[in-house]
């Protein structure tokens, strides 16, 4: 049973390392995606706030993680990221707080937003089609330092990916050894059992 437990722990270690590598790859690909539509993985997006309109809660350069939720679940006070309809920044990503929610004739939600540091409510409304997601994590400026590191492929490769690959390979070798020992132990037990039956 102890050997079986060791094998299980090794399997979990290898799987965890592989999942982490895959997850990191996806995360970095999101951060390094080309301009245009904000990339999303399973509804999650990582964004960097470019202005101080949401200070002090979200500083300039702050990192936020959004999740694409059902528009009906949004309420006044939620912070959302969206493609702005403002003529001065049309199509660019904006992150502001919802201050008013209305329904269109078709039943879709229309949101009025405002930056915490701004004096006036945004002139352009936000429609459901403009929504990127609700801000669920605010990493702040600490995230910008992490972001600059994660945007450097060489740093990722040298300090994270390669060490993880070696760790995974080492765990896989140990797992193979444990399985071989487990099989040998079972085989020996069977031989001992047959030997004892012969003596009887």
C-alpha atoms as a PDB file:
ATOM      1  CA  UNK A   1       0.000   0.000   0.000  1.00  0.00           C
ATOM      2  CA  UNK A   2       2.885   2.352   0.787  1.00  0.00           C
ATOM      3  CA  UNK A   3       4.375   1.818  -2.672  1.00  0.00           C
ATOM      4  CA  UNK A   4       0.990   2.381  -4.289  1.00  0.00           C
ATOM      5  CA  UNK A   5       0.722   5.635  -2.346  1.00  0.00           C
ATOM      6  CA  UNK A   6       4.171   6.709  -3.530  1.00  0.00           C
ATOM      7  CA  UNK A   7       3.248   5.930  -7.134  1.00  0.00           C
ATOM      8  CA  UNK A   8       0.051   7.955  -6.790  1.00  0.00           C
ATOM      9  CA  UNK A   9       1.943  10.932  -5.338  1.00  0.00           C
ATOM     10  CA  UNK A  10       4.483  10.766  -8.177  1.00  0.00           C
ATOM     11  CA  UNK A  11       1.708  10.641 -10.778  1.00  0.00           C
ATOM     12  CA  UNK A  12       0.060  13.678  -9.203  1.00  0.00           C
ATOM     13  CA  UNK A  13       3.390  15.545  -9.132  1.00  0.00           C
ATOM     14  CA  UNK A  14       3.975  14.886 -12.840  1.00  0.00           C
ATOM     15  CA  UNK A  15       0.407  15.857 -13.754  1.00  0.00           C
ATOM     16  CA  UNK A  16       0.600  19.023 -11.639  1.00  0.00           C
ATOM     17  CA  UNK A  17       3.828  20.089 -13.345  1.00  0.00           C
ATOM     18  CA  UNK A  18       2.371  19.431 -16.800  1.00  0.00           C
ATOM     19  CA  UNK A  19      -0.824  21.329 -15.974  1.00  0.00           C
ATOM     20  CA  UNK A  20       1.241  24.251 -14.656  1.00  0.00           C
ATOM     21  CA  UNK A  21       3.363  24.351 -17.818  1.00  0.00           C
ATOM     22  CA  UNK A  22       0.256  24.276 -20.025  1.00  0.00           C
ATOM     23  CA  UNK A  23      -1.465  26.926 -17.905  1.00  0.00           C
ATOM     24  CA  UNK A  24       1.604  29.159 -17.959  1.00  0.00           C
ATOM     25  CA  UNK A  25       1.870  28.793 -21.728  1.00  0.00           C
ATOM     26  CA  UNK A  26      -1.768  29.821 -22.159  1.00  0.00           C
ATOM     27  CA  UNK A  27      -1.366  32.740 -19.737  1.00  0.00           C
ATOM     28  CA  UNK A  28       1.744  34.061 -21.476  1.00  0.00           C
ATOM     29  CA  UNK A  29       0.120  33.683 -24.896  1.00  0.00           C
ATOM     30  CA  UNK A  30      -2.779  35.801 -23.630  1.00  0.00           C
ATOM     31  CA  UNK A  31      -0.419  38.497 -22.364  1.00  0.00           C
ATOM     32  CA  UNK A  32       1.527  38.561 -25.608  1.00  0.00           C
ATOM     33  CA  UNK A  33      -1.473  38.466 -27.923  1.00  0.00           C
ATOM     34  CA  UNK A  34      -1.506  40.951 -30.766  1.00  0.00           C
ATOM     35  CA  UNK A  35      -3.617  44.088 -30.637  1.00  0.00           C
ATOM     36  CA  UNK A  36      -7.296  43.901 -31.461  1.00  0.00           C
ATOM     37  CA  UNK A  37      -9.849  41.857 -29.612  1.00  0.00           C
ATOM     38  CA  UNK A  38      -8.867  41.049 -26.043  1.00  0.00           C
ATOM     39  CA  UNK A  39      -7.888  37.361 -25.861  1.00  0.00           C
ATOM     40  CA  UNK A  40      -9.902  35.206 -23.496  1.00  0.00           C
ATOM     41  CA  UNK A  41      -9.206  31.786 -22.003  1.00  0.00           C
ATOM     42  CA  UNK A  42     -12.294  30.059 -20.583  1.00  0.00           C
ATOM     43  CA  UNK A  43     -13.870  33.496 -20.161  1.00  0.00           C
ATOM     44  CA  UNK A  44     -10.885  34.995 -18.310  1.00  0.00           C
ATOM     45  CA  UNK A  45      -8.876  37.946 -19.647  1.00  0.00           C
ATOM     46  CA  UNK A  46      -5.822  39.745 -18.274  1.00  0.00           C
ATOM     47  CA  UNK A  47      -5.731  43.509 -18.825  1.00  0.00           C
ATOM     48  CA  UNK A  48      -3.427  46.379 -17.935  1.00  0.00           C
ATOM     49  CA  UNK A  49      -5.134  49.672 -17.069  1.00  0.00           C
ATOM     50  CA  UNK A  50      -3.513  52.519 -19.002  1.00  0.00           C
ATOM     51  CA  UNK A  51      -5.009  55.598 -17.301  1.00  0.00           C
ATOM     52  CA  UNK A  52      -5.728  56.882 -13.805  1.00  0.00           C
ATOM     53  CA  UNK A  53      -9.506  57.101 -14.237  1.00  0.00           C
ATOM     54  CA  UNK A  54     -10.052  54.326 -11.671  1.00  0.00           C
ATOM     55  CA  UNK A  55      -7.574  55.561  -9.064  1.00  0.00           C
ATOM     56  CA  UNK A  56      -7.025  54.949  -6.231  1.00  0.00           C
ATOM     57  CA  UNK A  57      -8.595  51.473  -6.535  1.00  0.00           C
ATOM     58  CA  UNK A  58      -6.850  50.645  -9.807  1.00  0.00           C
ATOM     59  CA  UNK A  59      -3.664  52.675 -10.393  1.00  0.00           C
ATOM     60  CA  UNK A  60      -2.075  53.458 -13.750  1.00  0.00           C
ATOM     61  CA  UNK A  61      -0.368  50.296 -14.976  1.00  0.00           C
ATOM     62  CA  UNK A  62      -2.439  48.136 -12.651  1.00  0.00           C
ATOM     63  CA  UNK A  63      -3.334  44.615 -13.742  1.00  0.00           C
ATOM     64  CA  UNK A  64      -6.884  43.289 -13.555  1.00  0.00           C
ATOM     65  CA  UNK A  65      -8.370  39.907 -14.361  1.00  0.00           C
ATOM     66  CA  UNK A  66     -11.865  39.889 -15.809  1.00  0.00           C
ATOM     67  CA  UNK A  67     -14.393  37.109 -16.280  1.00  0.00           C
ATOM     68  CA  UNK A  68     -17.131  37.120 -18.909  1.00  0.00           C
ATOM     69  CA  UNK A  69     -20.341  36.911 -16.896  1.00  0.00           C
ATOM     70  CA  UNK A  70     -24.009  36.952 -17.800  1.00  0.00           C
ATOM     71  CA  UNK A  71     -24.902  40.650 -18.287  1.00  0.00           C
ATOM     72  CA  UNK A  72     -28.063  40.082 -16.228  1.00  0.00           C
ATOM     73  CA  UNK A  73     -25.887  39.284 -13.197  1.00  0.00           C
ATOM     74  CA  UNK A  74     -24.134  42.664 -13.272  1.00  0.00           C
ATOM     75  CA  UNK A  75     -25.215  45.333 -10.810  1.00  0.00           C
ATOM     76  CA  UNK A  76     -24.505  48.964  -9.997  1.00  0.00           C
ATOM     77  CA  UNK A  77     -21.101  49.217  -8.335  1.00  0.00           C
ATOM     78  CA  UNK A  78     -19.479  46.418 -10.345  1.00  0.00           C
ATOM     79  CA  UNK A  79     -16.315  47.289 -12.259  1.00  0.00           C
ATOM     80  CA  UNK A  80     -16.317  46.105 -15.866  1.00  0.00           C
ATOM     81  CA  UNK A  81     -13.956  46.153 -18.827  1.00  0.00           C
ATOM     82  CA  UNK A  82     -15.460  46.934 -22.219  1.00  0.00           C
ATOM     83  CA  UNK A  83     -14.836  48.265 -25.714  1.00  0.00           C
ATOM     84  CA  UNK A  84     -15.601  51.971 -25.471  1.00  0.00           C
ATOM     85  CA  UNK A  85     -18.105  53.696 -27.745  1.00  0.00           C
ATOM     86  CA  UNK A  86     -16.702  57.109 -26.825  1.00  0.00           C
ATOM     87  CA  UNK A  87     -15.720  58.912 -30.043  1.00  0.00           C
ATOM     88  CA  UNK A  88     -12.342  59.937 -28.591  1.00  0.00           C
ATOM     89  CA  UNK A  89     -11.276  56.369 -27.786  1.00  0.00           C
ATOM     90  CA  UNK A  90     -13.733  54.393 -29.898  1.00  0.00           C
ATOM     91  CA  UNK A  91     -13.072  50.665 -29.837  1.00  0.00           C
ATOM     92  CA  UNK A  92     -10.366  50.847 -27.188  1.00  0.00           C
ATOM     93  CA  UNK A  93     -10.634  48.925 -23.927  1.00  0.00           C
ATOM     94  CA  UNK A  94     -11.911  50.839 -20.922  1.00  0.00           C
ATOM     95  CA  UNK A  95     -12.362  49.744 -17.308  1.00  0.00           C
ATOM     96  CA  UNK A  96     -14.947  51.712 -15.322  1.00  0.00           C
ATOM     97  CA  UNK A  97     -17.587  51.238 -12.640  1.00  0.00           C
ATOM     98  CA  UNK A  98     -21.280  50.701 -13.438  1.00  0.00           C
ATOM     99  CA  UNK A  99     -23.403  53.574 -12.112  1.00  0.00           C
ATOM    100  CA  UNK A 100     -26.689  52.869 -13.894  1.00  0.00           C
ATOM    101  CA  UNK A 101     -28.366  49.948 -15.675  1.00  0.00           C
ATOM    102  CA  UNK A 102     -31.246  50.227 -18.144  1.00  0.00           C
ATOM    103  CA  UNK A 103     -33.068  47.834 -20.456  1.00  0.00           C
ATOM    104  CA  UNK A 104     -33.315  48.320 -24.209  1.00  0.00           C
ATOM    105  CA  UNK A 105     -36.531  47.677 -26.154  1.00  0.00           C
ATOM    106  CA  UNK A 106     -35.183  44.222 -26.989  1.00  0.00           C
ATOM    107  CA  UNK A 107     -34.557  43.459 -23.321  1.00  0.00           C
ATOM    108  CA  UNK A 108     -30.769  43.765 -23.458  1.00  0.00           C
ATOM    109  CA  UNK A 109     -28.905  45.587 -20.722  1.00  0.00           C
ATOM    110  CA  UNK A 110     -27.449  49.052 -21.311  1.00  0.00           C
ATOM    111  CA  UNK A 111     -24.834  50.223 -18.822  1.00  0.00           C
ATOM    112  CA  UNK A 112     -23.774  53.721 -17.836  1.00  0.00           C
ATOM    113  CA  UNK A 113     -20.268  53.831 -16.415  1.00  0.00           C
ATOM    114  CA  UNK A 114     -17.907  56.216 -14.680  1.00  0.00           C
ATOM    115  CA  UNK A 115     -14.272  56.231 -13.653  1.00  0.00           C
ATOM    116  CA  UNK A 116     -13.872  56.599  -9.881  1.00  0.00           C
ATOM    117  CA  UNK A 117     -11.464  59.505 -10.395  1.00  0.00           C
ATOM    118  CA  UNK A 118     -13.609  61.198 -13.060  1.00  0.00           C
ATOM    119  CA  UNK A 119     -16.079  63.973 -12.273  1.00  0.00           C
ATOM    120  CA  UNK A 120     -18.624  63.037 -14.917  1.00  0.00           C
ATOM    121  CA  UNK A 121     -20.380  59.876 -16.043  1.00  0.00           C
ATOM    122  CA  UNK A 122     -19.164  58.477 -19.380  1.00  0.00           C
ATOM    123  CA  UNK A 123     -21.188  59.954 -22.237  1.00  0.00           C
ATOM    124  CA  UNK A 124     -21.209  56.763 -24.295  1.00  0.00           C
ATOM    125  CA  UNK A 125     -23.292  53.853 -23.038  1.00  0.00           C
ATOM    126  CA  UNK A 126     -21.972  50.304 -22.832  1.00  0.00           C
ATOM    127  CA  UNK A 127     -23.994  47.599 -24.586  1.00  0.00           C
ATOM    128  CA  UNK A 128     -23.865  43.873 -23.965  1.00  0.00           C
ATOM    129  CA  UNK A 129     -21.896  43.306 -27.153  1.00  0.00           C
ATOM    130  CA  UNK A 130     -19.205  45.690 -25.856  1.00  0.00           C
ATOM    131  CA  UNK A 131     -18.595  43.778 -22.623  1.00  0.00           C
ATOM    132  CA  UNK A 132     -15.285  42.015 -22.070  1.00  0.00           C
ATOM    133  CA  UNK A 133     -15.997  40.986 -18.511  1.00  0.00           C
ATOM    134  CA  UNK A 134     -16.408  41.856 -14.865  1.00  0.00           C
ATOM    135  CA  UNK A 135     -13.250  42.659 -12.911  1.00  0.00           C
ATOM    136  CA  UNK A 136     -12.831  39.836 -10.401  1.00  0.00           C
ATOM    137  CA  UNK A 137      -9.182  40.334  -9.406  1.00  0.00           C
ATOM    138  CA  UNK A 138      -7.286  43.599  -9.019  1.00  0.00           C
ATOM    139  CA  UNK A 139      -3.553  42.872  -8.795  1.00  0.00           C
ATOM    140  CA  UNK A 140      -2.534  46.532  -8.861  1.00  0.00           C
ATOM    141  CA  UNK A 141       0.926  47.814  -9.779  1.00  0.00           C
ATOM    142  CA  UNK A 142       2.590  44.680  -8.406  1.00  0.00           C
ATOM    143  CA  UNK A 143       1.061  42.941 -11.390  1.00  0.00           C
ATOM    144  CA  UNK A 144       2.736  45.326 -13.840  1.00  0.00           C
ATOM    145  CA  UNK A 145       6.177  44.137 -12.706  1.00  0.00           C
ATOM    146  CA  UNK A 146       5.061  40.538 -13.102  1.00  0.00           C
ATOM    147  CA  UNK A 147       3.617  41.410 -16.503  1.00  0.00           C
ATOM    148  CA  UNK A 148       6.902  42.874 -17.743  1.00  0.00           C
ATOM    149  CA  UNK A 149       8.662  39.652 -16.733  1.00  0.00           C
ATOM    150  CA  UNK A 150       6.045  37.406 -18.308  1.00  0.00           C
ATOM    151  CA  UNK A 151       6.289  39.330 -21.571  1.00  0.00           C
ATOM    152  CA  UNK A 152       9.950  38.369 -21.912  1.00  0.00           C
ATOM    153  CA  UNK A 153      10.040  34.915 -23.582  1.00  0.00           C
ATOM    154  CA  UNK A 154      13.724  34.368 -22.699  1.00  0.00           C
ATOM    155  CA  UNK A 155      13.094  34.844 -18.970  1.00  0.00           C
ATOM    156  CA  UNK A 156      10.104  32.497 -19.118  1.00  0.00           C
ATOM    157  CA  UNK A 157      12.133  29.870 -20.984  1.00  0.00           C
ATOM    158  CA  UNK A 158      15.281  30.021 -18.827  1.00  0.00           C
ATOM    159  CA  UNK A 159      13.849  30.452 -15.343  1.00  0.00           C
ATOM    160  CA  UNK A 160      10.470  28.710 -15.527  1.00  0.00           C
ATOM    161  CA  UNK A 161       9.869  26.411 -18.499  1.00  0.00           C
ATOM    162  CA  UNK A 162      13.263  24.636 -18.650  1.00  0.00           C
ATOM    163  CA  UNK A 163      13.464  23.998 -14.857  1.00  0.00           C
ATOM    164  CA  UNK A 164       9.881  22.708 -14.885  1.00  0.00           C
ATOM    165  CA  UNK A 165      10.664  20.380 -17.789  1.00  0.00           C
ATOM    166  CA  UNK A 166      13.654  18.928 -15.894  1.00  0.00           C
ATOM    167  CA  UNK A 167      11.564  18.550 -12.733  1.00  0.00           C
ATOM    168  CA  UNK A 168       8.819  16.802 -14.710  1.00  0.00           C
ATOM    169  CA  UNK A 169      11.338  14.489 -16.392  1.00  0.00           C
ATOM    170  CA  UNK A 170      12.894  13.663 -13.013  1.00  0.00           C
ATOM    171  CA  UNK A 171       9.501  12.867 -11.527  1.00  0.00           C
ATOM    172  CA  UNK A 172       8.663  10.717 -14.560  1.00  0.00           C
ATOM    173  CA  UNK A 173      11.905   8.720 -14.113  1.00  0.00           C
ATOM    174  CA  UNK A 174      11.186   8.236 -10.403  1.00  0.00           C
ATOM    175  CA  UNK A 175       7.656   7.160 -11.274  1.00  0.00           C
ATOM    176  CA  UNK A 176       8.960   4.578 -13.760  1.00  0.00           C
ATOM    177  CA  UNK A 177      11.355   3.207 -11.110  1.00  0.00           C
ATOM    178  CA  UNK A 178       8.568   2.952  -8.534  1.00  0.00           C
ATOM    179  CA  UNK A 179       6.312   1.112 -10.990  1.00  0.00           C
ATOM    180  CA  UNK A 180       9.156  -1.311 -11.829  1.00  0.00           C
ATOM    181  CA  UNK A 181       9.811  -1.919  -8.111  1.00  0.00           C
ATOM    182  CA  UNK A 182       6.090  -2.406  -7.507  1.00  0.00           C
ATOM    183  CA  UNK A 183       5.853  -5.004 -10.301  1.00  0.00           C
ATOM    184  CA  UNK A 184       9.006  -6.779  -9.074  1.00  0.00           C
ATOM    185  CA  UNK A 185       7.635  -6.872  -5.531  1.00  0.00           C
ATOM    186  CA  UNK A 186       4.328  -8.342  -6.741  1.00  0.00           C
ATOM    187  CA  UNK A 187       6.164 -10.941  -8.819  1.00  0.00           C
ATOM    188  CA  UNK A 188       8.329 -11.921  -5.847  1.00  0.00           C
ATOM    189  CA  UNK A 189       5.276 -12.235  -3.601  1.00  0.00           C
ATOM    190  CA  UNK A 190       3.633 -14.540  -6.149  1.00  0.00           C
ATOM    191  CA  UNK A 191       6.762 -16.704  -6.366  1.00  0.00           C
ATOM    192  CA  UNK A 192       6.995 -16.901  -2.566  1.00  0.00           C
ATOM    193  CA  UNK A 193       3.328 -17.862  -2.385  1.00  0.00           C
ATOM    194  CA  UNK A 194       3.783 -20.618  -4.994  1.00  0.00           C
ATOM    195  CA  UNK A 195       6.880 -21.850  -3.165  1.00  0.00           C
ATOM    196  CA  UNK A 196       5.023 -22.083   0.145  1.00  0.00           C
ATOM    197  CA  UNK A 197       2.152 -23.957  -1.517  1.00  0.00           C
ATOM    198  CA  UNK A 198       4.629 -26.450  -3.044  1.00  0.00           C
ATOM    199  CA  UNK A 199       6.218 -27.104   0.348  1.00  0.00           C
ATOM    200  CA  UNK A 200       2.776 -27.771   1.839  1.00  0.00           C
END
